Amino acid sequence: MIHSLRVINRGIALVVGFGLLLCAGFVLTDIIMREISTSFGGTEEVAGYAMALATSWGMSYTLLELGHVRIDLLRSRGGSFTRALFDVFSMIVMSSVIITIAIKAWPVLERSIVNGSRANTPLETPLVWVQLPWFAGWIWFALISTLTTLTALSLLLRQRHIKTENFIGVFVDKETLE
């Protein structure tokens, strides 16, 4: 299951990366156009939207690729059980925070849907166009985080400490992931 989620997240990362590349091209074109006294306008707004979307969708990719930062001071001093316990604890905390963010993001989207809200900018972008994929990214991250936590907890309870550490630990070789 986790391998399939990694494959899906890699696809999502490619789409998000391509979107960021398009955004960078849009901003670069606008900067060049400013040199000839014209502009698209709204590049700051579009770039902000792109960053919000990249963040919400990129977090799950980073999680499954073991890229999130952890403070390793205590964890590194213990044996495999201690390291696995710290790893599972950190996943429980992170999942709790991400689930809370996803829950709190819904009223923001709901209010935009109900009110037909638009950005207070020259583009007057309908906020639902940006907030819906942003919200979906947080839901996806909450789902990935929860599934990862439950899988790691299952490994820990079956006393597969090394496997737990390899699955959600830090500084793991890519070969170990496969």
N, C-alpha and C. Protein backbone atom coordinates (compact mmCIF):
# COMPACT_ATOMS: atom_id res chain seq x y z
N MET A 1 0.83 -1.20 0.00
CA MET A 1 0.00 0.00 0.00
C MET A 1 0.88 1.26 0.00
N ILE A 2 1.85 1.29 0.87
CA ILE A 2 2.71 2.47 0.97
C ILE A 2 3.50 2.66 -0.32
N HIS A 3 3.94 1.57 -0.93
CA HIS A 3 4.64 1.69 -2.20
C HIS A 3 3.74 2.35 -3.25
N SER A 4 2.48 1.93 -3.30
CA SER A 4 1.52 2.53 -4.25
C SER A 4 1.33 4.01 -3.96
N LEU A 5 1.26 4.37 -2.69
CA LEU A 5 1.11 5.78 -2.32
C LEU A 5 2.35 6.59 -2.72
N ARG A 6 3.53 5.96 -2.60
CA ARG A 6 4.75 6.64 -3.04
C ARG A 6 4.70 6.93 -4.54
N VAL A 7 4.24 5.94 -5.30
CA VAL A 7 4.14 6.12 -6.76
C VAL A 7 3.16 7.25 -7.08
N ILE A 8 2.01 7.26 -6.42
CA ILE A 8 1.02 8.32 -6.64
C ILE A 8 1.61 9.67 -6.27
N ASN A 9 2.29 9.74 -5.13
CA ASN A 9 2.88 11.00 -4.68
C ASN A 9 3.98 11.49 -5.62
N ARG A 10 4.71 10.58 -6.21
CA ARG A 10 5.73 11.00 -7.20
C ARG A 10 5.06 11.63 -8.41
N GLY A 11 3.94 11.06 -8.83
CA GLY A 11 3.18 11.65 -9.93
C GLY A 11 2.65 13.02 -9.58
N ILE A 12 2.12 13.15 -8.37
CA ILE A 12 1.63 14.45 -7.90
C ILE A 12 2.78 15.45 -7.85
N ALA A 13 3.95 15.00 -7.37
CA ALA A 13 5.11 15.90 -7.28
C ALA A 13 5.53 16.39 -8.66
N LEU A 14 5.44 15.53 -9.65
CA LEU A 14 5.78 15.95 -11.02
C LEU A 14 4.79 17.00 -11.53
N VAL A 15 3.51 16.78 -11.28
CA VAL A 15 2.49 17.74 -11.70
C VAL A 15 2.70 19.08 -11.00
N VAL A 16 2.92 19.04 -9.68
CA VAL A 16 3.15 20.26 -8.91
C VAL A 16 4.43 20.96 -9.39
N GLY A 17 5.47 20.18 -9.62
CA GLY A 17 6.72 20.76 -10.11
C GLY A 17 6.54 21.42 -11.47
N PHE A 18 5.77 20.78 -12.36
CA PHE A 18 5.49 21.38 -13.65
C PHE A 18 4.69 22.67 -13.48
N GLY A 19 3.74 22.67 -12.55
CA GLY A 19 2.96 23.89 -12.26
C GLY A 19 3.85 25.01 -11.76
N LEU A 20 4.81 24.68 -10.90
CA LEU A 20 5.75 25.69 -10.41
C LEU A 20 6.64 26.21 -11.53
N LEU A 21 7.02 25.32 -12.42
CA LEU A 21 7.82 25.73 -13.57
C LEU A 21 7.03 26.69 -14.46
N LEU A 22 5.76 26.38 -14.70
CA LEU A 22 4.90 27.28 -15.47
C LEU A 22 4.76 28.63 -14.78
N CYS A 23 4.59 28.59 -13.47
CA CYS A 23 4.46 29.83 -12.70
C CYS A 23 5.73 30.66 -12.81
N ALA A 24 6.87 30.00 -12.71
CA ALA A 24 8.15 30.72 -12.84
C ALA A 24 8.28 31.34 -14.22
N GLY A 25 7.86 30.62 -15.25
CA GLY A 25 7.88 31.15 -16.60
C GLY A 25 6.96 32.36 -16.76
N PHE A 26 5.80 32.28 -16.12
CA PHE A 26 4.84 33.39 -16.15
C PHE A 26 5.43 34.63 -15.48
N VAL A 27 6.04 34.45 -14.31
CA VAL A 27 6.66 35.56 -13.59
C VAL A 27 7.83 36.13 -14.40
N LEU A 28 8.66 35.26 -14.95
CA LEU A 28 9.80 35.71 -15.75
C LEU A 28 9.32 36.52 -16.97
N THR A 29 8.29 36.02 -17.64
CA THR A 29 7.74 36.75 -18.79
C THR A 29 7.22 38.11 -18.37
N ASP A 30 6.55 38.16 -17.23
CA ASP A 30 6.04 39.44 -16.73
C ASP A 30 7.17 40.41 -16.42
N ILE A 31 8.26 39.92 -15.85
CA ILE A 31 9.40 40.78 -15.54
C ILE A 31 10.02 41.32 -16.82
N ILE A 32 10.15 40.47 -17.82
CA ILE A 32 10.69 40.93 -19.11
C ILE A 32 9.76 41.96 -19.73
N MET A 33 8.45 41.72 -19.64
CA MET A 33 7.48 42.67 -20.21
C MET A 33 7.54 44.03 -19.51
N ARG A 34 7.87 44.03 -18.23
CA ARG A 34 7.97 45.30 -17.50
C ARG A 34 9.07 46.18 -18.08
N GLU A 35 10.08 45.55 -18.67
CA GLU A 35 11.17 46.31 -19.28
C GLU A 35 10.70 47.08 -20.51
N ILE A 36 9.59 46.65 -21.12
CA ILE A 36 9.05 47.37 -22.27
C ILE A 36 7.74 48.09 -21.90
N SER A 37 7.64 48.42 -20.60
CA SER A 37 6.55 49.22 -20.06
C SER A 37 5.17 48.59 -20.19
N THR A 38 5.09 47.29 -20.05
CA THR A 38 3.79 46.60 -20.00
C THR A 38 3.91 45.46 -18.99
N SER A 39 2.78 44.85 -18.64
CA SER A 39 2.81 43.80 -17.64
C SER A 39 1.51 43.01 -17.70
N PHE A 40 1.58 41.75 -17.32
CA PHE A 40 0.36 40.96 -17.18
C PHE A 40 -0.44 41.46 -15.98
N GLY A 41 0.27 41.75 -14.90
CA GLY A 41 -0.37 42.10 -13.64
C GLY A 41 -0.81 40.82 -12.93
N GLY A 42 -0.76 40.85 -11.63
CA GLY A 42 -1.23 39.71 -10.85
C GLY A 42 -0.24 38.58 -10.67
N THR A 43 1.00 38.78 -11.10
CA THR A 43 1.96 37.69 -10.97
C THR A 43 2.23 37.33 -9.50
N GLU A 44 2.21 38.34 -8.63
CA GLU A 44 2.43 38.07 -7.20
C GLU A 44 1.30 37.19 -6.67
N GLU A 45 0.09 37.48 -7.10
CA GLU A 45 -1.07 36.71 -6.65
C GLU A 45 -0.97 35.26 -7.14
N VAL A 46 -0.68 35.08 -8.40
CA VAL A 46 -0.58 33.74 -8.98
C VAL A 46 0.56 32.97 -8.32
N ALA A 47 1.69 33.63 -8.09
CA ALA A 47 2.83 32.96 -7.44
C ALA A 47 2.47 32.54 -6.01
N GLY A 48 1.72 33.38 -5.31
CA GLY A 48 1.28 33.03 -3.96
C GLY A 48 0.37 31.81 -3.97
N TYR A 49 -0.55 31.77 -4.93
CA TYR A 49 -1.43 30.61 -5.06
C TYR A 49 -0.62 29.35 -5.36
N ALA A 50 0.35 29.48 -6.26
CA ALA A 50 1.18 28.33 -6.63
C ALA A 50 1.95 27.80 -5.42
N MET A 51 2.47 28.70 -4.60
CA MET A 51 3.21 28.27 -3.41
C MET A 51 2.30 27.57 -2.40
N ALA A 52 1.08 28.09 -2.23
CA ALA A 52 0.13 27.45 -1.30
C ALA A 52 -0.22 26.05 -1.77
N LEU A 53 -0.45 25.90 -3.06
CA LEU A 53 -0.79 24.58 -3.60
C LEU A 53 0.40 23.63 -3.53
N ALA A 54 1.58 24.13 -3.87
CA ALA A 54 2.78 23.29 -3.82
C ALA A 54 3.05 22.81 -2.39
N THR A 55 2.81 23.68 -1.43
CA THR A 55 3.03 23.30 -0.04
C THR A 55 2.05 22.23 0.41
N SER A 56 0.76 22.45 0.17
CA SER A 56 -0.22 21.48 0.66
C SER A 56 -0.07 20.12 0.00
N TRP A 57 0.24 20.09 -1.28
CA TRP A 57 0.41 18.81 -1.97
C TRP A 57 1.80 18.22 -1.78
N GLY A 58 2.81 19.04 -1.60
CA GLY A 58 4.18 18.56 -1.49
C GLY A 58 4.51 17.92 -0.16
N MET A 59 3.74 18.24 0.86
CA MET A 59 4.04 17.71 2.20
C MET A 59 3.92 16.18 2.26
N SER A 60 2.93 15.60 1.58
CA SER A 60 2.78 14.14 1.63
C SER A 60 3.93 13.45 0.89
N TYR A 61 4.37 14.05 -0.22
CA TYR A 61 5.53 13.50 -0.93
C TYR A 61 6.75 13.51 -0.02
N THR A 62 6.97 14.64 0.64
CA THR A 62 8.12 14.78 1.53
C THR A 62 8.05 13.77 2.67
N LEU A 63 6.86 13.53 3.19
CA LEU A 63 6.69 12.56 4.28
C LEU A 63 7.12 11.17 3.84
N LEU A 64 6.60 10.72 2.71
CA LEU A 64 6.91 9.36 2.27
C LEU A 64 8.34 9.19 1.77
N GLU A 65 8.98 10.29 1.44
CA GLU A 65 10.39 10.24 1.03
C GLU A 65 11.32 10.52 2.22
N LEU A 66 10.76 10.56 3.42
CA LEU A 66 11.49 10.78 4.67
C LEU A 66 12.26 12.10 4.67
N GLY A 67 11.65 13.14 4.13
CA GLY A 67 12.32 14.42 4.01
C GLY A 67 11.97 15.43 5.08
N HIS A 68 11.04 15.10 5.98
CA HIS A 68 10.70 16.05 7.03
C HIS A 68 11.81 16.11 8.07
N VAL A 69 12.03 17.28 8.61
CA VAL A 69 13.10 17.50 9.57
C VAL A 69 12.69 16.97 10.93
N ARG A 70 13.64 16.32 11.59
CA ARG A 70 13.43 15.86 12.95
C ARG A 70 14.65 16.23 13.78
N ILE A 71 14.42 16.50 15.04
CA ILE A 71 15.54 16.75 15.95
C ILE A 71 15.94 15.39 16.50
N ASP A 72 17.15 15.00 16.22
CA ASP A 72 17.60 13.64 16.44
C ASP A 72 18.44 13.46 17.70
N LEU A 73 18.44 14.45 18.60
CA LEU A 73 19.32 14.41 19.76
C LEU A 73 19.06 13.19 20.65
N LEU A 74 17.82 12.98 21.08
CA LEU A 74 17.51 11.86 21.96
C LEU A 74 17.36 10.55 21.19
N ARG A 75 16.75 10.64 20.04
CA ARG A 75 16.47 9.46 19.24
C ARG A 75 17.75 8.68 18.92
N SER A 76 18.78 9.39 18.55
CA SER A 76 20.01 8.73 18.12
C SER A 76 20.76 8.04 19.25
N ARG A 77 20.43 8.34 20.49
CA ARG A 77 21.15 7.77 21.63
C ARG A 77 20.58 6.43 22.09
N GLY A 78 19.45 6.03 21.53
CA GLY A 78 18.82 4.79 21.96
C GLY A 78 19.03 3.66 20.98
N GLY A 79 18.53 2.49 21.38
CA GLY A 79 18.59 1.32 20.53
C GLY A 79 17.47 1.35 19.51
N SER A 80 17.30 0.25 18.81
CA SER A 80 16.30 0.22 17.73
C SER A 80 14.89 0.41 18.27
N PHE A 81 14.57 -0.13 19.46
CA PHE A 81 13.24 0.07 20.03
C PHE A 81 13.01 1.54 20.36
N THR A 82 13.97 2.19 20.97
CA THR A 82 13.85 3.60 21.34
C THR A 82 13.69 4.47 20.10
N ARG A 83 14.49 4.21 19.08
CA ARG A 83 14.38 4.98 17.85
C ARG A 83 13.02 4.78 17.20
N ALA A 84 12.56 3.53 17.15
CA ALA A 84 11.25 3.25 16.56
C ALA A 84 10.14 3.93 17.36
N LEU A 85 10.27 3.93 18.68
CA LEU A 85 9.27 4.57 19.54
C LEU A 85 9.22 6.08 19.29
N PHE A 86 10.39 6.71 19.20
CA PHE A 86 10.44 8.15 18.89
C PHE A 86 9.86 8.44 17.51
N ASP A 87 10.17 7.58 16.54
CA ASP A 87 9.65 7.77 15.19
C ASP A 87 8.13 7.69 15.17
N VAL A 88 7.57 6.69 15.84
CA VAL A 88 6.11 6.54 15.87
C VAL A 88 5.48 7.70 16.63
N PHE A 89 6.10 8.11 17.72
CA PHE A 89 5.57 9.26 18.47
C PHE A 89 5.55 10.51 17.59
N SER A 90 6.63 10.74 16.85
CA SER A 90 6.67 11.93 15.99
C SER A 90 5.61 11.84 14.90
N MET A 91 5.34 10.65 14.39
CA MET A 91 4.29 10.48 13.38
C MET A 91 2.91 10.73 13.97
N ILE A 92 2.68 10.28 15.20
CA ILE A 92 1.39 10.52 15.85
C ILE A 92 1.16 12.01 16.04
N VAL A 93 2.19 12.71 16.49
CA VAL A 93 2.09 14.16 16.69
C VAL A 93 1.85 14.86 15.35
N MET A 94 2.65 14.49 14.34
CA MET A 94 2.49 15.14 13.04
C MET A 94 1.11 14.86 12.46
N SER A 95 0.65 13.64 12.53
CA SER A 95 -0.69 13.31 12.01
C SER A 95 -1.76 14.11 12.72
N SER A 96 -1.63 14.25 14.01
CA SER A 96 -2.61 15.03 14.78
C SER A 96 -2.64 16.48 14.32
N VAL A 97 -1.48 17.06 14.11
CA VAL A 97 -1.40 18.45 13.65
C VAL A 97 -1.99 18.59 12.25
N ILE A 98 -1.65 17.68 11.36
CA ILE A 98 -2.12 17.76 9.97
C ILE A 98 -3.62 17.54 9.89
N ILE A 99 -4.14 16.62 10.66
CA ILE A 99 -5.60 16.41 10.70
C ILE A 99 -6.29 17.67 11.19
N THR A 100 -5.72 18.30 12.20
CA THR A 100 -6.28 19.56 12.72
C THR A 100 -6.26 20.64 11.64
N ILE A 101 -5.16 20.76 10.93
CA ILE A 101 -5.07 21.76 9.85
C ILE A 101 -6.13 21.48 8.79
N ALA A 102 -6.26 20.21 8.39
CA ALA A 102 -7.26 19.85 7.37
C ALA A 102 -8.67 20.18 7.84
N ILE A 103 -8.96 19.90 9.10
CA ILE A 103 -10.30 20.21 9.64
C ILE A 103 -10.53 21.72 9.66
N LYS A 104 -9.52 22.46 10.09
CA LYS A 104 -9.66 23.92 10.18
C LYS A 104 -9.66 24.59 8.80
N ALA A 105 -9.16 23.91 7.77
CA ALA A 105 -9.15 24.48 6.42
C ALA A 105 -10.55 24.44 5.79
N TRP A 106 -11.38 23.49 6.20
CA TRP A 106 -12.70 23.38 5.61
C TRP A 106 -13.54 24.65 5.77
N PRO A 107 -13.65 25.26 6.96
CA PRO A 107 -14.47 26.48 7.07
C PRO A 107 -14.00 27.61 6.15
N VAL A 108 -12.70 27.67 5.87
CA VAL A 108 -12.18 28.69 4.96
C VAL A 108 -12.76 28.46 3.56
N LEU A 109 -12.69 27.22 3.10
CA LEU A 109 -13.24 26.88 1.78
C LEU A 109 -14.76 27.04 1.77
N GLU A 110 -15.41 26.56 2.80
CA GLU A 110 -16.88 26.64 2.86
C GLU A 110 -17.37 28.08 2.78
N ARG A 111 -16.71 28.97 3.50
CA ARG A 111 -17.09 30.38 3.49
C ARG A 111 -16.94 30.98 2.09
N SER A 112 -15.88 30.59 1.39
CA SER A 112 -15.67 31.08 0.02
C SER A 112 -16.74 30.55 -0.92
N ILE A 113 -17.14 29.30 -0.72
CA ILE A 113 -18.18 28.71 -1.57
C ILE A 113 -19.51 29.42 -1.32
N VAL A 114 -19.88 29.54 -0.05
CA VAL A 114 -21.17 30.14 0.32
C VAL A 114 -21.25 31.60 -0.13
N ASN A 115 -20.18 32.35 0.09
CA ASN A 115 -20.19 33.78 -0.22
C ASN A 115 -19.80 34.09 -1.67
N GLY A 116 -19.35 33.09 -2.41
CA GLY A 116 -18.85 33.37 -3.75
C GLY A 116 -17.68 34.34 -3.71
N SER A 117 -16.82 34.16 -2.72
CA SER A 117 -15.72 35.11 -2.47
C SER A 117 -14.74 35.17 -3.63
N ARG A 118 -14.25 36.39 -3.84
CA ARG A 118 -13.22 36.65 -4.84
C ARG A 118 -12.06 37.36 -4.16
N ALA A 119 -10.88 37.19 -4.73
CA ALA A 119 -9.70 37.86 -4.18
C ALA A 119 -9.87 39.37 -4.31
N ASN A 120 -9.40 40.08 -3.31
CA ASN A 120 -9.44 41.53 -3.31
C ASN A 120 -8.21 42.06 -4.05
N THR A 121 -8.11 41.69 -5.32
CA THR A 121 -6.96 42.04 -6.15
C THR A 121 -7.48 42.41 -7.53
N PRO A 122 -6.62 42.96 -8.38
CA PRO A 122 -7.07 43.29 -9.74
C PRO A 122 -7.60 42.07 -10.52
N LEU A 123 -7.09 40.86 -10.24
CA LEU A 123 -7.56 39.67 -10.95
C LEU A 123 -8.94 39.21 -10.47
N GLU A 124 -9.30 39.56 -9.25
CA GLU A 124 -10.57 39.14 -8.65
C GLU A 124 -10.82 37.64 -8.82
N THR A 125 -9.81 36.87 -8.54
CA THR A 125 -9.88 35.42 -8.68
C THR A 125 -10.95 34.84 -7.76
N PRO A 126 -11.84 33.99 -8.28
CA PRO A 126 -12.77 33.27 -7.39
C PRO A 126 -11.94 32.39 -6.45
N LEU A 127 -12.05 32.63 -5.16
CA LEU A 127 -11.18 31.95 -4.21
C LEU A 127 -11.39 30.44 -4.17
N VAL A 128 -12.57 29.99 -4.53
CA VAL A 128 -12.81 28.55 -4.53
C VAL A 128 -11.89 27.84 -5.53
N TRP A 129 -11.49 28.50 -6.62
CA TRP A 129 -10.59 27.90 -7.60
C TRP A 129 -9.25 27.54 -6.98
N VAL A 130 -8.82 28.33 -6.02
CA VAL A 130 -7.53 28.09 -5.38
C VAL A 130 -7.70 27.29 -4.10
N GLN A 131 -8.74 27.61 -3.34
CA GLN A 131 -8.90 26.98 -2.03
C GLN A 131 -9.33 25.51 -2.13
N LEU A 132 -10.05 25.13 -3.17
CA LEU A 132 -10.46 23.74 -3.30
C LEU A 132 -9.27 22.81 -3.48
N PRO A 133 -8.36 23.08 -4.44
CA PRO A 133 -7.18 22.20 -4.54
C PRO A 133 -6.25 22.32 -3.33
N TRP A 134 -6.19 23.51 -2.72
CA TRP A 134 -5.40 23.70 -1.50
C TRP A 134 -5.94 22.82 -0.38
N PHE A 135 -7.24 22.84 -0.19
CA PHE A 135 -7.90 22.01 0.83
C PHE A 135 -7.70 20.52 0.52
N ALA A 136 -7.85 20.15 -0.75
CA ALA A 136 -7.66 18.75 -1.14
C ALA A 136 -6.23 18.29 -0.82
N GLY A 137 -5.26 19.18 -0.99
CA GLY A 137 -3.87 18.83 -0.65
C GLY A 137 -3.70 18.54 0.84
N TRP A 138 -4.35 19.34 1.68
CA TRP A 138 -4.26 19.09 3.13
C TRP A 138 -4.98 17.80 3.51
N ILE A 139 -6.12 17.51 2.86
CA ILE A 139 -6.83 16.25 3.13
C ILE A 139 -5.95 15.07 2.71
N TRP A 140 -5.33 15.18 1.53
CA TRP A 140 -4.44 14.13 1.05
C TRP A 140 -3.28 13.91 2.03
N PHE A 141 -2.68 15.00 2.51
CA PHE A 141 -1.58 14.88 3.47
C PHE A 141 -2.07 14.23 4.76
N ALA A 142 -3.25 14.61 5.23
CA ALA A 142 -3.81 14.00 6.45
C ALA A 142 -4.02 12.50 6.25
N LEU A 143 -4.52 12.12 5.08
CA LEU A 143 -4.75 10.71 4.79
C LEU A 143 -3.42 9.94 4.73
N ILE A 144 -2.44 10.48 4.01
CA ILE A 144 -1.13 9.83 3.89
C ILE A 144 -0.46 9.73 5.25
N SER A 145 -0.52 10.80 6.02
CA SER A 145 0.08 10.82 7.35
C SER A 145 -0.57 9.79 8.27
N THR A 146 -1.88 9.70 8.22
CA THR A 146 -2.59 8.74 9.07
C THR A 146 -2.27 7.31 8.68
N LEU A 147 -2.29 7.02 7.38
CA LEU A 147 -1.97 5.66 6.92
C LEU A 147 -0.53 5.29 7.27
N THR A 148 0.38 6.23 7.13
CA THR A 148 1.78 5.99 7.47
C THR A 148 1.93 5.73 8.97
N THR A 149 1.24 6.53 9.77
CA THR A 149 1.30 6.36 11.22
C THR A 149 0.75 5.00 11.63
N LEU A 150 -0.39 4.62 11.08
CA LEU A 150 -0.99 3.33 11.44
C LEU A 150 -0.10 2.16 11.00
N THR A 151 0.51 2.27 9.84
CA THR A 151 1.42 1.22 9.38
C THR A 151 2.63 1.12 10.30
N ALA A 152 3.20 2.27 10.66
CA ALA A 152 4.36 2.28 11.55
C ALA A 152 4.00 1.75 12.93
N LEU A 153 2.84 2.12 13.43
CA LEU A 153 2.38 1.63 14.73
C LEU A 153 2.20 0.12 14.69
N SER A 154 1.67 -0.39 13.60
CA SER A 154 1.52 -1.83 13.44
C SER A 154 2.88 -2.54 13.46
N LEU A 155 3.85 -1.96 12.78
CA LEU A 155 5.19 -2.55 12.80
C LEU A 155 5.78 -2.53 14.20
N LEU A 156 5.59 -1.42 14.91
CA LEU A 156 6.13 -1.29 16.26
C LEU A 156 5.48 -2.32 17.20
N LEU A 157 4.17 -2.47 17.10
CA LEU A 157 3.47 -3.41 17.98
C LEU A 157 3.85 -4.86 17.68
N ARG A 158 4.27 -5.13 16.46
CA ARG A 158 4.74 -6.48 16.11
C ARG A 158 6.24 -6.63 16.38
N GLN A 159 6.80 -5.65 17.08
CA GLN A 159 8.21 -5.63 17.49
C GLN A 159 9.17 -5.72 16.31
N ARG A 160 8.81 -5.07 15.23
CA ARG A 160 9.68 -5.01 14.05
C ARG A 160 10.33 -3.62 14.05
N HIS A 161 11.19 -3.41 15.04
CA HIS A 161 11.77 -2.10 15.31
C HIS A 161 12.65 -1.59 14.17
N ILE A 162 13.49 -2.44 13.65
CA ILE A 162 14.37 -2.01 12.56
C ILE A 162 13.53 -1.65 11.34
N LYS A 163 12.53 -2.45 11.04
CA LYS A 163 11.65 -2.17 9.89
C LYS A 163 10.89 -0.86 10.12
N THR A 164 10.46 -0.62 11.36
CA THR A 164 9.77 0.64 11.69
C THR A 164 10.70 1.82 11.43
N GLU A 165 11.92 1.69 11.92
CA GLU A 165 12.90 2.76 11.75
C GLU A 165 13.20 3.00 10.27
N ASN A 166 13.31 1.91 9.50
CA ASN A 166 13.57 2.06 8.07
C ASN A 166 12.38 2.68 7.34
N PHE A 167 11.19 2.44 7.84
CA PHE A 167 9.98 2.92 7.19
C PHE A 167 9.72 4.40 7.44
N ILE A 168 9.90 4.86 8.69
CA ILE A 168 9.58 6.26 9.01
C ILE A 168 10.72 7.00 9.69
N GLY A 169 11.87 6.38 9.79
CA GLY A 169 12.99 7.01 10.48
C GLY A 169 13.63 8.10 9.66
N VAL A 170 14.80 8.49 10.09
CA VAL A 170 15.55 9.54 9.40
C VAL A 170 16.84 8.96 8.87
N PHE A 171 17.40 9.64 7.88
CA PHE A 171 18.69 9.27 7.30
C PHE A 171 18.72 7.83 6.80
N VAL A 172 17.66 7.42 6.14
CA VAL A 172 17.58 6.06 5.62
C VAL A 172 18.06 6.06 4.17
N ASP A 173 18.84 5.05 3.81
CA ASP A 173 19.28 4.92 2.43
C ASP A 173 18.09 4.65 1.53
N LYS A 174 18.13 5.16 0.31
CA LYS A 174 17.05 4.95 -0.66
C LYS A 174 16.86 3.45 -0.93
N GLU A 175 17.94 2.67 -0.90
CA GLU A 175 17.84 1.23 -1.17
C GLU A 175 16.99 0.56 -0.11
N THR A 176 17.02 1.04 1.12
CA THR A 176 16.23 0.47 2.19
C THR A 176 14.75 0.68 1.94
N LEU A 177 14.40 1.83 1.33
CA LEU A 177 12.99 2.13 1.07
C LEU A 177 12.37 1.18 0.07
N GLU A 178 13.15 0.73 -0.90
CA GLU A 178 12.64 -0.13 -1.96
C GLU A 178 12.56 -1.53 -1.42
